C-alpha atoms as a PDB file:
ATOM      1  CA  MET A   1      64.739 -37.172 -27.802  1.00  0.00           C
ATOM      2  CA  SER A   2      63.217 -33.984 -29.108  1.00  0.00           C
ATOM      3  CA  HIS A   3      60.204 -31.894 -28.241  1.00  0.00           C
ATOM      4  CA  LYS A   4      58.676 -33.116 -31.509  1.00  0.00           C
ATOM      5  CA  THR A   5      58.440 -36.600 -30.043  1.00  0.00           C
ATOM      6  CA  LEU A   6      56.371 -35.198 -27.194  1.00  0.00           C
ATOM      7  CA  LEU A   7      53.923 -33.614 -29.605  1.00  0.00           C
ATOM      8  CA  ARG A   8      53.227 -36.636 -31.777  1.00  0.00           C
ATOM      9  CA  THR A   9      53.116 -39.804 -29.710  1.00  0.00           C
ATOM     10  CA  GLY A  10      49.634 -39.842 -28.206  1.00  0.00           C
ATOM     11  CA  PRO A  11      48.024 -38.637 -24.953  1.00  0.00           C
ATOM     12  CA  LEU A  12      49.848 -37.767 -21.752  1.00  0.00           C
ATOM     13  CA  VAL A  13      50.198 -40.796 -19.485  1.00  0.00           C
ATOM     14  CA  PRO A  14      50.387 -40.351 -15.686  1.00  0.00           C
ATOM     15  CA  GLY A  15      53.229 -42.452 -14.306  1.00  0.00           C
ATOM     16  CA  GLY A  16      54.618 -43.533 -10.963  1.00  0.00           C
ATOM     17  CA  VAL A  17      58.217 -42.740 -10.121  1.00  0.00           C
ATOM     18  CA  GLY A  18      60.081 -40.339 -12.386  1.00  0.00           C
ATOM     19  CA  PRO A  19      63.551 -40.714 -13.905  1.00  0.00           C
ATOM     20  CA  TYR A  20      65.157 -39.127 -10.825  1.00  0.00           C
ATOM     21  CA  GLY A  21      63.522 -41.431  -8.285  1.00  0.00           C
ATOM     22  CA  PRO A  22      60.791 -40.858  -5.690  1.00  0.00           C
ATOM     23  CA  VAL A  23      60.156 -37.479  -4.118  1.00  0.00           C
ATOM     24  CA  GLY A  24      61.588 -37.450  -0.587  1.00  0.00           C
ATOM     25  CA  PRO A  25      60.610 -35.685   2.645  1.00  0.00           C
ATOM     26  CA  PRO A  26      60.357 -31.872   2.729  1.00  0.00           C
ATOM     27  CA  GLY A  27      63.412 -29.751   3.483  1.00  0.00           C
ATOM     28  CA  GLU A  28      64.036 -25.989   3.490  1.00  0.00           C
ATOM     29  CA  GLY A  29      60.867 -24.026   2.889  1.00  0.00           C
ATOM     30  CA  GLY A  30      58.807 -27.234   2.686  1.00  0.00           C
ATOM     31  CA  LEU A  31      60.501 -28.299  -0.560  1.00  0.00           C
ATOM     32  CA  ALA A  32      60.376 -32.061  -1.182  1.00  0.00           C
ATOM     33  CA  LEU A  33      62.740 -33.318  -3.917  1.00  0.00           C
ATOM     34  CA  PRO A  34      64.086 -36.544  -5.458  1.00  0.00           C
ATOM     35  CA  PRO A  35      67.424 -38.002  -4.254  1.00  0.00           C
ATOM     36  CA  HIS A  36      70.579 -35.992  -5.108  1.00  0.00           C
ATOM     37  CA  PHE A  37      68.622 -32.740  -5.539  1.00  0.00           C
ATOM     38  CA  THR A  38      68.829 -29.799  -3.164  1.00  0.00           C
ATOM     39  CA  GLY A  39      66.722 -26.684  -2.783  1.00  0.00           C
ATOM     40  CA  ARG A  40      66.863 -23.316  -1.110  1.00  0.00           C
ATOM     41  CA  VAL A  41      64.862 -20.118  -0.779  1.00  0.00           C
ATOM     42  CA  VAL A  42      66.682 -17.334  -2.631  1.00  0.00           C
ATOM     43  CA  ALA A  43      64.166 -14.534  -2.057  1.00  0.00           C
ATOM     44  CA  ARG A  44      61.194 -13.772   0.174  1.00  0.00           C
ATOM     45  CA  SER A  45      58.625 -11.022  -0.421  1.00  0.00           C
ATOM     46  CA  GLY A  46      59.311  -8.059   1.861  1.00  0.00           C
ATOM     47  CA  ALA A  47      62.783  -9.294   2.839  1.00  0.00           C
ATOM     48  CA  LYS A  48      66.138  -8.003   1.622  1.00  0.00           C
ATOM     49  CA  VAL A  49      68.074  -9.745  -1.161  1.00  0.00           C
ATOM     50  CA  ALA A  50      71.528  -8.201  -1.613  1.00  0.00           C
ATOM     51  CA  GLY A  51      70.097  -4.908  -0.347  1.00  0.00           C
ATOM     52  CA  LEU A  52      66.915  -4.992  -2.470  1.00  0.00           C
ATOM     53  CA  THR A  53      63.498  -5.522  -0.879  1.00  0.00           C
ATOM     54  CA  TRP A  54      62.064  -8.431  -2.872  1.00  0.00           C
ATOM     55  CA  HIS A  55      58.719  -7.682  -4.463  1.00  0.00           C
ATOM     56  CA  ALA A  56      55.345  -9.115  -3.493  1.00  0.00           C
ATOM     57  CA  ALA A  57      53.317 -11.372  -5.799  1.00  0.00           C
ATOM     58  CA  PRO A  58      56.265 -12.882  -7.734  1.00  0.00           C
ATOM     59  CA  ASP A  59      55.116 -14.296 -11.038  1.00  0.00           C
ATOM     60  CA  GLY A  60      56.670 -14.943 -14.464  1.00  0.00           C
ATOM     61  CA  GLY A  61      60.435 -15.388 -14.630  1.00  0.00           C
ATOM     62  CA  ALA A  62      63.408 -16.281 -16.823  1.00  0.00           C
ATOM     63  CA  CYS A  63      67.178 -16.752 -16.627  1.00  0.00           C
ATOM     64  CA  PHE A  64      69.884 -14.980 -18.621  1.00  0.00           C
ATOM     65  CA  PRO A  65      73.639 -15.652 -19.030  1.00  0.00           C
ATOM     66  CA  ASP A  66      75.996 -13.259 -17.249  1.00  0.00           C
ATOM     67  CA  GLY A  67      79.622 -14.144 -17.863  1.00  0.00           C
ATOM     68  CA  SER A  68      80.360 -17.224 -15.754  1.00  0.00           C
ATOM     69  CA  GLY A  69      77.203 -16.574 -13.723  1.00  0.00           C
ATOM     70  CA  TRP A  70      73.567 -15.881 -14.575  1.00  0.00           C
ATOM     71  CA  ILE A  71      70.574 -13.681 -13.747  1.00  0.00           C
ATOM     72  CA  TYR A  72      67.044 -14.651 -12.716  1.00  0.00           C
ATOM     73  CA  VAL A  73      64.317 -12.101 -13.491  1.00  0.00           C
ATOM     74  CA  SER A  74      60.909 -12.121 -11.778  1.00  0.00           C
ATOM     75  CA  ASN A  75      57.726 -10.122 -12.425  1.00  0.00           C
ATOM     76  CA  SER A  76      55.441  -8.695  -9.727  1.00  0.00           C
ATOM     77  CA  GLU A  77      51.673  -8.875 -10.115  1.00  0.00           C
ATOM     78  CA  LEU A  78      50.938  -5.838  -7.984  1.00  0.00           C
ATOM     79  CA  PRO A  79      48.522  -3.189  -9.269  1.00  0.00           C
ATOM     80  CA  LEU A  80      50.242   0.059 -10.296  1.00  0.00           C
ATOM     81  CA  LEU A  81      53.502  -0.937  -8.566  1.00  0.00           C
ATOM     82  CA  GLY A  82      54.236  -4.209 -10.343  1.00  0.00           C
ATOM     83  CA  GLY A  83      57.337  -4.139 -12.496  1.00  0.00           C
ATOM     84  CA  ALA A  84      60.170  -6.674 -12.332  1.00  0.00           C
ATOM     85  CA  SER A  85      63.316  -7.394 -10.319  1.00  0.00           C
ATOM     86  CA  ALA A  86      66.509  -9.325 -11.012  1.00  0.00           C
ATOM     87  CA  VAL A  87      68.926 -11.403  -8.929  1.00  0.00           C
ATOM     88  CA  ARG A  88      72.494 -11.802 -10.191  1.00  0.00           C
ATOM     89  CA  PHE A  89      74.274 -15.069  -9.328  1.00  0.00           C
ATOM     90  CA  ARG A  90      77.989 -15.799  -9.334  1.00  0.00           C
ATOM     91  CA  ALA A  91      79.399 -18.941 -10.947  1.00  0.00           C
ATOM     92  CA  ASP A  92      79.294 -20.794  -7.605  1.00  0.00           C
ATOM     93  CA  GLY A  93      75.610 -19.927  -7.104  1.00  0.00           C
ATOM     94  CA  GLY A  94      76.214 -17.167  -4.580  1.00  0.00           C
ATOM     95  CA  ILE A  95      74.075 -14.040  -4.867  1.00  0.00           C
ATOM     96  CA  ALA A  96      76.100 -11.094  -6.112  1.00  0.00           C
ATOM     97  CA  ASP A  97      73.442  -8.399  -6.603  1.00  0.00           C
ATOM     98  CA  ALA A  98      69.738  -7.645  -6.867  1.00  0.00           C
ATOM     99  CA  TYR A  99      68.013  -4.683  -8.507  1.00  0.00           C
ATOM    100  CA  ARG A 100      64.851  -3.425 -10.210  1.00  0.00           C
ATOM    101  CA  ILE A 101      64.599  -3.496 -13.997  1.00  0.00           C
ATOM    102  CA  LEU A 102      61.012  -2.193 -14.320  1.00  0.00           C
ATOM    103  CA  SER A 103      58.898  -0.046 -11.988  1.00  0.00           C
ATOM    104  CA  GLY A 104      55.539   1.720 -11.939  1.00  0.00           C
ATOM    105  CA  THR A 105      53.670  -0.690 -14.202  1.00  0.00           C
ATOM    106  CA  ASP A 106      50.421  -2.555 -13.598  1.00  0.00           C
ATOM    107  CA  LEU A 107      49.911  -6.245 -12.789  1.00  0.00           C
ATOM    108  CA  ASN A 108      53.034  -7.686 -14.394  1.00  0.00           C
ATOM    109  CA  ARG A 109      52.044 -11.318 -14.381  1.00  0.00           C
ATOM    110  CA  ALA A 110      54.009 -13.342 -16.919  1.00  0.00           C
ATOM    111  CA  GLY A 111      56.261 -12.559 -19.866  1.00  0.00           C
ATOM    112  CA  GLY A 112      59.101 -14.183 -21.765  1.00  0.00           C
ATOM    113  CA  ALA A 113      62.780 -13.993 -22.661  1.00  0.00           C
ATOM    114  CA  THR A 114      64.079 -13.010 -26.103  1.00  0.00           C
ATOM    115  CA  PRO A 115      67.020 -14.580 -27.972  1.00  0.00           C
ATOM    116  CA  TRP A 116      68.831 -11.234 -27.723  1.00  0.00           C
ATOM    117  CA  ASN A 117      68.671 -11.433 -23.902  1.00  0.00           C
ATOM    118  CA  THR A 118      65.919  -9.004 -23.001  1.00  0.00           C
ATOM    119  CA  TRP A 119      62.893  -9.681 -20.827  1.00  0.00           C
ATOM    120  CA  LEU A 120      59.344  -9.058 -22.070  1.00  0.00           C
ATOM    121  CA  SER A 121      57.290  -8.106 -19.024  1.00  0.00           C
ATOM    122  CA  CYS A 122      53.557  -8.314 -19.753  1.00  0.00           C
ATOM    123  CA  GLU A 123      50.852  -6.278 -18.022  1.00  0.00           C
ATOM    124  CA  LEU A 124      47.675  -8.148 -17.129  1.00  0.00           C
ATOM    125  CA  GLY A 125      45.468  -5.075 -16.685  1.00  0.00           C
ATOM    126  CA  HIS A 126      42.892  -3.770 -19.148  1.00  0.00           C
ATOM    127  CA  ARG A 127      44.748  -2.496 -22.226  1.00  0.00           C
ATOM    128  CA  GLY A 128      47.942  -3.919 -20.766  1.00  0.00           C
ATOM    129  CA  ARG A 129      51.262  -3.352 -22.486  1.00  0.00           C
ATOM    130  CA  VAL A 130      54.421  -5.342 -23.160  1.00  0.00           C
ATOM    131  CA  PHE A 131      57.605  -3.782 -21.778  1.00  0.00           C
ATOM    132  CA  GLU A 132      61.000  -4.819 -23.109  1.00  0.00           C
ATOM    133  CA  CYS A 133      63.432  -4.778 -20.171  1.00  0.00           C
ATOM    134  CA  ASP A 134      67.184  -5.091 -19.790  1.00  0.00           C
ATOM    135  CA  PRO A 135      67.906  -7.910 -17.277  1.00  0.00           C
ATOM    136  CA  TYR A 136      71.427  -6.508 -16.798  1.00  0.00           C
ATOM    137  CA  GLY A 137      70.039  -3.203 -15.540  1.00  0.00           C
ATOM    138  CA  ALA A 138      71.956  -0.975 -17.958  1.00  0.00           C
ATOM    139  CA  ARG A 139      69.091   0.303 -20.143  1.00  0.00           C
ATOM    140  CA  ALA A 140      65.650   1.637 -19.268  1.00  0.00           C
ATOM    141  CA  ALA A 141      62.611  -0.506 -20.086  1.00  0.00           C
ATOM    142  CA  ARG A 142      60.531   0.476 -23.121  1.00  0.00           C
ATOM    143  CA  PRO A 143      56.861  -0.223 -23.956  1.00  0.00           C
ATOM    144  CA  ARG A 144      56.321  -2.124 -27.218  1.00  0.00           C
ATOM    145  CA  LEU A 145      52.877  -0.874 -28.192  1.00  0.00           C
ATOM    146  CA  ALA A 146      52.847  -2.567 -31.602  1.00  0.00           C
ATOM    147  CA  MET A 147      52.506  -5.849 -29.695  1.00  0.00           C
ATOM    148  CA  GLY A 148      48.960  -4.856 -28.734  1.00  0.00           C
ATOM    149  CA  ARG A 149      46.989  -3.431 -25.818  1.00  0.00           C
ATOM    150  CA  PHE A 150      45.140  -6.249 -24.053  1.00  0.00           C
ATOM    151  CA  LYS A 151      45.346  -8.441 -20.931  1.00  0.00           C
ATOM    152  CA  HIS A 152      48.778  -9.829 -21.709  1.00  0.00           C
ATOM    153  CA  GLU A 153      49.895 -12.974 -19.939  1.00  0.00           C
ATOM    154  CA  ALA A 154      52.948 -14.687 -21.425  1.00  0.00           C
ATOM    155  CA  ALA A 155      55.200 -14.373 -24.461  1.00  0.00           C
ATOM    156  CA  ALA A 156      57.439 -16.917 -26.195  1.00  0.00           C
ATOM    157  CA  CYS A 157      59.923 -16.229 -29.002  1.00  0.00           C
ATOM    158  CA  ASP A 158      60.185 -18.437 -32.093  1.00  0.00           C
ATOM    159  CA  PRO A 159      63.533 -17.530 -33.724  1.00  0.00           C
ATOM    160  CA  GLU A 160      63.040 -19.936 -36.650  1.00  0.00           C
ATOM    161  CA  ARG A 161      60.027 -18.010 -37.906  1.00  0.00           C
ATOM    162  CA  GLY A 162      60.941 -14.650 -36.371  1.00  0.00           C
ATOM    163  CA  VAL A 163      57.712 -14.297 -34.377  1.00  0.00           C
ATOM    164  CA  ILE A 164      56.646 -13.958 -30.742  1.00  0.00           C
ATOM    165  CA  TYR A 165      53.606 -15.888 -29.495  1.00  0.00           C
ATOM    166  CA  MET A 166      51.418 -14.323 -26.788  1.00  0.00           C
ATOM    167  CA  THR A 167      48.514 -15.413 -24.595  1.00  0.00           C
ATOM    168  CA  GLU A 168      45.572 -13.334 -23.331  1.00  0.00           C
ATOM    169  CA  ASP A 169      43.880 -13.708 -19.932  1.00  0.00           C
ATOM    170  CA  GLU A 170      40.237 -13.294 -20.931  1.00  0.00           C
ATOM    171  CA  PRO A 171      37.422 -15.892 -20.859  1.00  0.00           C
ATOM    172  CA  ASP A 172      37.331 -15.477 -24.637  1.00  0.00           C
ATOM    173  CA  GLY A 173      41.002 -14.613 -25.040  1.00  0.00           C
ATOM    174  CA  CYS A 174      43.025 -15.229 -28.188  1.00  0.00           C
ATOM    175  CA  PHE A 175      46.376 -16.742 -29.096  1.00  0.00           C
ATOM    176  CA  TYR A 176      48.502 -14.133 -30.877  1.00  0.00           C
ATOM    177  CA  ARG A 177      51.796 -13.839 -32.641  1.00  0.00           C
ATOM    178  CA  PHE A 178      53.781 -10.685 -33.333  1.00  0.00           C
ATOM    179  CA  ARG A 179      55.934 -10.390 -36.457  1.00  0.00           C
ATOM    180  CA  PRO A 180      58.438  -7.546 -36.003  1.00  0.00           C
ATOM    181  CA  GLY A 181      59.554  -5.768 -39.131  1.00  0.00           C
ATOM    182  CA  ASP A 182      63.151  -6.405 -38.087  1.00  0.00           C
ATOM    183  CA  TRP A 183      63.864  -9.433 -35.870  1.00  0.00           C
ATOM    184  CA  GLY A 184      65.432  -8.099 -32.699  1.00  0.00           C
ATOM    185  CA  ASP A 185      63.609  -4.756 -32.907  1.00  0.00           C
ATOM    186  CA  LEU A 186      60.091  -4.827 -31.442  1.00  0.00           C
ATOM    187  CA  THR A 187      59.260  -1.183 -32.132  1.00  0.00           C
ATOM    188  CA  GLU A 188      57.176  -1.970 -35.219  1.00  0.00           C
ATOM    189  CA  GLY A 189      55.552  -5.038 -36.689  1.00  0.00           C
ATOM    190  CA  THR A 190      52.323  -6.914 -37.351  1.00  0.00           C
ATOM    191  CA  LEU A 191      50.068  -8.402 -34.666  1.00  0.00           C
ATOM    192  CA  GLU A 192      48.218 -11.528 -35.803  1.00  0.00           C
ATOM    193  CA  VAL A 193      45.628 -13.794 -34.202  1.00  0.00           C
ATOM    194  CA  LEU A 194      45.089 -17.533 -34.682  1.00  0.00           C
ATOM    195  CA  SER A 195      41.794 -18.123 -36.493  1.00  0.00           C
ATOM    196  CA  SER A 196      39.359 -21.026 -36.255  1.00  0.00           C
ATOM    197  CA  SER A 197      40.671 -22.283 -39.586  1.00  0.00           C
ATOM    198  CA  GLY A 198      44.222 -22.469 -38.201  1.00  0.00           C
ATOM    199  CA  ARG A 199      45.459 -19.525 -40.237  1.00  0.00           C
ATOM    200  CA  TRP A 200      47.013 -16.384 -38.807  1.00  0.00           C
ATOM    201  CA  ARG A 201      45.076 -13.199 -39.542  1.00  0.00           C
ATOM    202  CA  PRO A 202      46.244  -9.608 -38.927  1.00  0.00           C
ATOM    203  CA  VAL A 203      44.623  -7.585 -36.142  1.00  0.00           C
ATOM    204  CA  PRO A 204      43.616  -4.314 -37.837  1.00  0.00           C
ATOM    205  CA  SER A 205      44.153  -2.003 -34.829  1.00  0.00           C
ATOM    206  CA  PRO A 206      46.301  -3.621 -32.094  1.00  0.00           C
ATOM    207  CA  ALA A 207      46.042  -0.570 -29.784  1.00  0.00           C
ATOM    208  CA  ALA A 208      42.451   0.447 -30.603  1.00  0.00           C
ATOM    209  CA  LEU A 209      40.533   2.282 -27.865  1.00  0.00           C
ATOM    210  CA  LEU A 210      37.010   1.157 -28.712  1.00  0.00           C
ATOM    211  CA  LYS A 211      37.212  -2.367 -30.167  1.00  0.00           C
ATOM    212  CA  GLU A 212      39.405  -4.830 -28.306  1.00  0.00           C
ATOM    213  CA  ALA A 213      41.980  -6.837 -30.236  1.00  0.00           C
ATOM    214  CA  ARG A 214      40.287 -10.196 -29.621  1.00  0.00           C
ATOM    215  CA  HIS A 215      37.052  -8.953 -31.211  1.00  0.00           C
ATOM    216  CA  GLN A 216      38.560  -7.425 -34.349  1.00  0.00           C
ATOM    217  CA  VAL A 217      38.904 -10.620 -36.408  1.00  0.00           C
ATOM    218  CA  GLU A 218      35.591 -12.374 -37.027  1.00  0.00           C
ATOM    219  CA  ASP A 219      36.869 -15.971 -37.123  1.00  0.00           C
ATOM    220  CA  ALA A 220      39.455 -15.622 -34.334  1.00  0.00           C
ATOM    221  CA  ARG A 221      39.768 -18.739 -32.191  1.00  0.00           C
ATOM    222  CA  HIS A 222      39.057 -18.109 -28.508  1.00  0.00           C
ATOM    223  CA  PHE A 223      40.580 -19.744 -25.430  1.00  0.00           C
ATOM    224  CA  ASP A 224      39.522 -19.724 -21.778  1.00  0.00           C
ATOM    225  CA  ARG A 225      42.039 -17.378 -20.117  1.00  0.00           C
ATOM    226  CA  GLY A 226      45.385 -17.957 -21.789  1.00  0.00           C
ATOM    227  CA  HIS A 227      48.201 -18.316 -19.280  1.00  0.00           C
ATOM    228  CA  GLY A 228      51.748 -19.760 -19.467  1.00  0.00           C
ATOM    229  CA  CYS A 229      53.605 -19.942 -22.778  1.00  0.00           C
ATOM    230  CA  HIS A 230      56.932 -21.562 -23.763  1.00  0.00           C
ATOM    231  CA  TYR A 231      58.558 -22.246 -27.136  1.00  0.00           C
ATOM    232  CA  ALA A 232      60.958 -25.149 -27.672  1.00  0.00           C
ATOM    233  CA  GLY A 233      61.965 -27.315 -30.618  1.00  0.00           C
ATOM    234  CA  GLY A 234      59.443 -25.996 -33.127  1.00  0.00           C
ATOM    235  CA  VAL A 235      56.505 -26.161 -30.696  1.00  0.00           C
ATOM    236  CA  CYS A 236      54.834 -23.400 -28.692  1.00  0.00           C
ATOM    237  CA  TYR A 237      53.295 -24.842 -25.532  1.00  0.00           C
ATOM    238  CA  PHE A 238      50.695 -22.735 -23.769  1.00  0.00           C
ATOM    239  CA  THR A 239      48.157 -23.178 -21.008  1.00  0.00           C
ATOM    240  CA  THR A 240      44.604 -21.952 -20.439  1.00  0.00           C
ATOM    241  CA  ARG A 241      43.879 -20.962 -16.868  1.00  0.00           C
ATOM    242  CA  GLY A 242      40.101 -21.107 -17.170  1.00  0.00           C
ATOM    243  CA  ASP A 243      39.889 -24.796 -18.076  1.00  0.00           C
ATOM    244  CA  GLY A 244      43.372 -25.984 -17.057  1.00  0.00           C
ATOM    245  CA  GLY A 245      44.362 -26.982 -20.580  1.00  0.00           C
ATOM    246  CA  LEU A 246      47.866 -27.665 -21.910  1.00  0.00           C
ATOM    247  CA  TRP A 247      48.151 -26.956 -25.642  1.00  0.00           C
ATOM    248  CA  ALA A 248      50.871 -27.481 -28.236  1.00  0.00           C
ATOM    249  CA  TYR A 249      51.051 -25.407 -31.404  1.00  0.00           C
ATOM    250  CA  ASP A 250      53.348 -27.038 -33.980  1.00  0.00           C
ATOM    251  CA  ALA A 251      54.770 -24.041 -35.795  1.00  0.00           C
ATOM    252  CA  GLU A 252      56.108 -26.091 -38.724  1.00  0.00           C
ATOM    253  CA  THR A 253      52.830 -27.841 -39.565  1.00  0.00           C
ATOM    254  CA  ALA A 254      50.573 -25.061 -38.225  1.00  0.00           C
ATOM    255  CA  THR A 255      48.558 -27.554 -36.161  1.00  0.00           C
ATOM    256  CA  LEU A 256      47.192 -27.200 -32.638  1.00  0.00           C
ATOM    257  CA  GLU A 257      46.691 -30.034 -30.159  1.00  0.00           C
ATOM    258  CA  ARG A 258      45.357 -30.132 -26.615  1.00  0.00           C
ATOM    259  CA  LEU A 259      47.812 -32.321 -24.723  1.00  0.00           C
ATOM    260  CA  GLY A 260      46.343 -32.515 -21.247  1.00  0.00           C
ATOM    261  CA  GLU A 261      44.673 -30.866 -18.276  1.00  0.00           C
ATOM    262  CA  GLY A 262      45.513 -29.182 -14.984  1.00  0.00           C
ATOM    263  CA  VAL A 263      48.564 -27.142 -16.035  1.00  0.00           C
ATOM    264  CA  ARG A 264      49.174 -23.432 -15.441  1.00  0.00           C
ATOM    265  CA  ALA A 265      52.902 -22.744 -15.822  1.00  0.00           C
ATOM    266  CA  ILE A 266      55.421 -24.586 -17.987  1.00  0.00           C
ATOM    267  CA  THR A 267      59.062 -24.542 -19.035  1.00  0.00           C
ATOM    268  CA  ALA A 268      61.455 -26.874 -20.843  1.00  0.00           C
ATOM    269  CA  ALA A 269      64.825 -28.341 -19.901  1.00  0.00           C
ATOM    270  CA  PRO A 270      67.677 -28.844 -22.406  1.00  0.00           C
ATOM    271  CA  SER A 271      66.866 -32.595 -22.389  1.00  0.00           C
ATOM    272  CA  GLY A 272      63.470 -32.020 -23.978  1.00  0.00           C
ATOM    273  CA  ASP A 273      61.651 -32.687 -20.705  1.00  0.00           C
ATOM    274  CA  LEU A 274      58.850 -30.300 -19.803  1.00  0.00           C
ATOM    275  CA  TYR A 275      58.323 -29.123 -16.221  1.00  0.00           C
ATOM    276  CA  ALA A 276      54.721 -28.185 -15.484  1.00  0.00           C
ATOM    277  CA  ALA A 277      53.059 -26.592 -12.453  1.00  0.00           C
ATOM    278  CA  GLY A 278      49.341 -27.135 -12.007  1.00  0.00           C
ATOM    279  CA  THR A 279      46.692 -26.052  -9.554  1.00  0.00           C
ATOM    280  CA  GLY A 280      48.389 -27.766  -6.593  1.00  0.00           C
ATOM    281  CA  THR A 281      51.766 -27.064  -5.017  1.00  0.00           C
ATOM    282  CA  ARG A 282      53.823 -29.483  -7.077  1.00  0.00           C
ATOM    283  CA  ILE A 283      55.789 -29.559 -10.306  1.00  0.00           C
ATOM    284  CA  ASP A 284      55.504 -32.543 -12.633  1.00  0.00           C
ATOM    285  CA  LEU A 285      57.978 -33.747 -15.236  1.00  0.00           C
ATOM    286  CA  ILE A 286      56.675 -34.601 -18.719  1.00  0.00           C
ATOM    287  CA  THR A 287      59.175 -36.709 -20.674  1.00  0.00           C
ATOM    288  CA  PRO A 288      59.417 -36.735 -24.494  1.00  0.00           C
ATOM    289  CA  ASP A 289      57.451 -40.025 -24.554  1.00  0.00           C
ATOM    290  CA  ARG A 290      54.642 -38.177 -22.697  1.00  0.00           C
ATOM    291  CA  ALA A 291      55.013 -39.899 -19.334  1.00  0.00           C
ATOM    292  CA  VAL A 292      53.974 -37.569 -16.491  1.00  0.00           C
ATOM    293  CA  THR A 293      55.644 -38.085 -13.099  1.00  0.00           C
ATOM    294  CA  PRO A 294      56.031 -35.966  -9.925  1.00  0.00           C
ATOM    295  CA  PHE A 295      59.269 -33.997  -9.666  1.00  0.00           C
ATOM    296  CA  LEU A 296      58.770 -31.904  -6.535  1.00  0.00           C
ATOM    297  CA  ARG A 297      56.204 -31.033  -3.900  1.00  0.00           C
ATOM    298  CA  LEU A 298      55.940 -27.932  -1.763  1.00  0.00           C
ATOM    299  CA  GLN A 299      54.458 -28.679   1.639  1.00  0.00           C
ATOM    300  CA  GLY A 300      53.007 -26.179   4.091  1.00  0.00           C
ATOM    301  CA  HIS A 301      51.966 -23.754   1.339  1.00  0.00           C
ATOM    302  CA  ASP A 302      48.335 -24.711   0.792  1.00  0.00           C
ATOM    303  CA  GLY A 303      46.602 -22.397  -1.641  1.00  0.00           C
ATOM    304  CA  ALA A 304      49.828 -21.104  -3.158  1.00  0.00           C
ATOM    305  CA  GLU A 305      50.339 -20.839  -6.927  1.00  0.00           C
ATOM    306  CA  LEU A 306      53.656 -21.898  -8.443  1.00  0.00           C
ATOM    307  CA  THR A 307      54.930 -19.415 -11.017  1.00  0.00           C
ATOM    308  CA  GLY A 308      58.026 -18.267 -12.908  1.00  0.00           C
ATOM    309  CA  LEU A 309      59.510 -21.666 -13.828  1.00  0.00           C
ATOM    310  CA  ALA A 310      62.892 -21.203 -15.543  1.00  0.00           C
ATOM    311  CA  PHE A 311      66.181 -23.076 -15.961  1.00  0.00           C
ATOM    312  CA  SER A 312      69.598 -21.510 -15.558  1.00  0.00           C
ATOM    313  CA  PRO A 313      71.605 -21.233 -18.811  1.00  0.00           C
ATOM    314  CA  ARG A 314      73.569 -24.414 -17.982  1.00  0.00           C
ATOM    315  CA  GLY A 315      70.362 -26.302 -17.216  1.00  0.00           C
ATOM    316  CA  ASP A 316      71.507 -27.406 -13.749  1.00  0.00           C
ATOM    317  CA  ARG A 317      69.215 -25.169 -11.662  1.00  0.00           C
ATOM    318  CA  LEU A 318      65.449 -24.662 -11.770  1.00  0.00           C
ATOM    319  CA  TYR A 319      63.864 -21.489 -10.393  1.00  0.00           C
ATOM    320  CA  PHE A 320      60.239 -20.873  -9.471  1.00  0.00           C
ATOM    321  CA  SER A 321      58.140 -18.860  -7.024  1.00  0.00           C
ATOM    322  CA  ALA A 322      55.286 -19.800  -4.703  1.00  0.00           C
ATOM    323  CA  ARG A 323      52.857 -16.940  -4.211  1.00  0.00           C
ATOM    324  CA  ARG A 324      49.723 -16.622  -2.129  1.00  0.00           C
ATOM    325  CA  GLY A 325      47.571 -13.622  -2.961  1.00  0.00           C
ATOM    326  CA  ARG A 326      49.395 -10.364  -3.576  1.00  0.00           C
ATOM    327  CA  THR A 327      51.469 -10.259  -0.412  1.00  0.00           C
ATOM    328  CA  GLU A 328      53.245 -13.524   0.341  1.00  0.00           C
ATOM    329  CA  GLY A 329      55.850 -14.944  -2.003  1.00  0.00           C
ATOM    330  CA  LEU A 330      58.918 -17.180  -1.911  1.00  0.00           C
ATOM    331  CA  THR A 331      61.362 -17.695  -4.774  1.00  0.00           C
ATOM    332  CA  PHE A 332      63.127 -21.081  -4.829  1.00  0.00           C
ATOM    333  CA  GLU A 333      66.162 -22.609  -6.504  1.00  0.00           C
ATOM    334  CA  VAL A 334      66.473 -26.361  -7.112  1.00  0.00           C
ATOM    335  CA  SER A 335      69.914 -27.775  -8.006  1.00  0.00           C
ATOM    336  CA  GLY A 336      70.800 -31.273  -9.089  1.00  0.00           C
ATOM    337  CA  PRO A 337      71.627 -33.753 -11.847  1.00  0.00           C
ATOM    338  CA  PHE A 338      69.058 -32.626 -14.407  1.00  0.00           C
ATOM    339  CA  ARG A 339      69.253 -34.639 -17.629  1.00  0.00           C
ATOM    340  CA  ALA A 340      71.227 -32.997 -20.419  1.00  0.00           C
END
């Protein structure tokens, strides 16, 4: 079943037991999972991971292929010291290395992966920037100023249309897309904003000092604190932190639908299932027929926010972080028989 089925078959329906069975008792780190799934803590803020001190306030994340292994990248939402770090995994899941890929930036909250295997780390601060980072640690990160200067949250690439969607964490934030002049090169391009009519309109001055991007287009549509963003199967899913909304923008038909409530972070599995984290310490599974069932719970972490949901390239491991404030943070890995 495809992601299109999810978009067009009616409202989300809360269910009982999910396709993997009931969630069991908590294990390592308070992680409660269905049968045949296992979990572990791979990183802890302030503790060493393969010689690297793992950052505080872990937030947005993504996975990248690395030969027979893979890499998980995580942002840090610290002021002035944010940046991003990476953990390199061997084929058997062992940790081979850990290193910084971005340093000295401000409030790096979310971001997104590109099809050419770079990481877009987004600054949340006033006039925040998007930095394109090398998850393999070989090249220095570069700011992509044509993508606008605003409170960036997340980014999601749409290779079919050659655009990158972006959310903005403001009470009257906008939903943007960036059209690079050359797909794969984000140095130059056109920043556009979704209007109330459903059309995309160019932002005249994406990096203007005096008039913020969200106020430059008169009929721009506004959202209450844009948050997570993920593109899959012709649909860009994004969330609004202010009102807990889950939205779906169908890029082929240029239509927008509000799917449900109470979601902050979201990712997709190869099966077409969505995995969504809300205001509590649990992750729900949303199947292509729009059934919503619990997938995991995290006990003993009251008040934590779950962030950085991402699947490994093979789709057999799910990563996420649990953060409380700007000091505590745990990064988890869940392994098991995820549907293909």
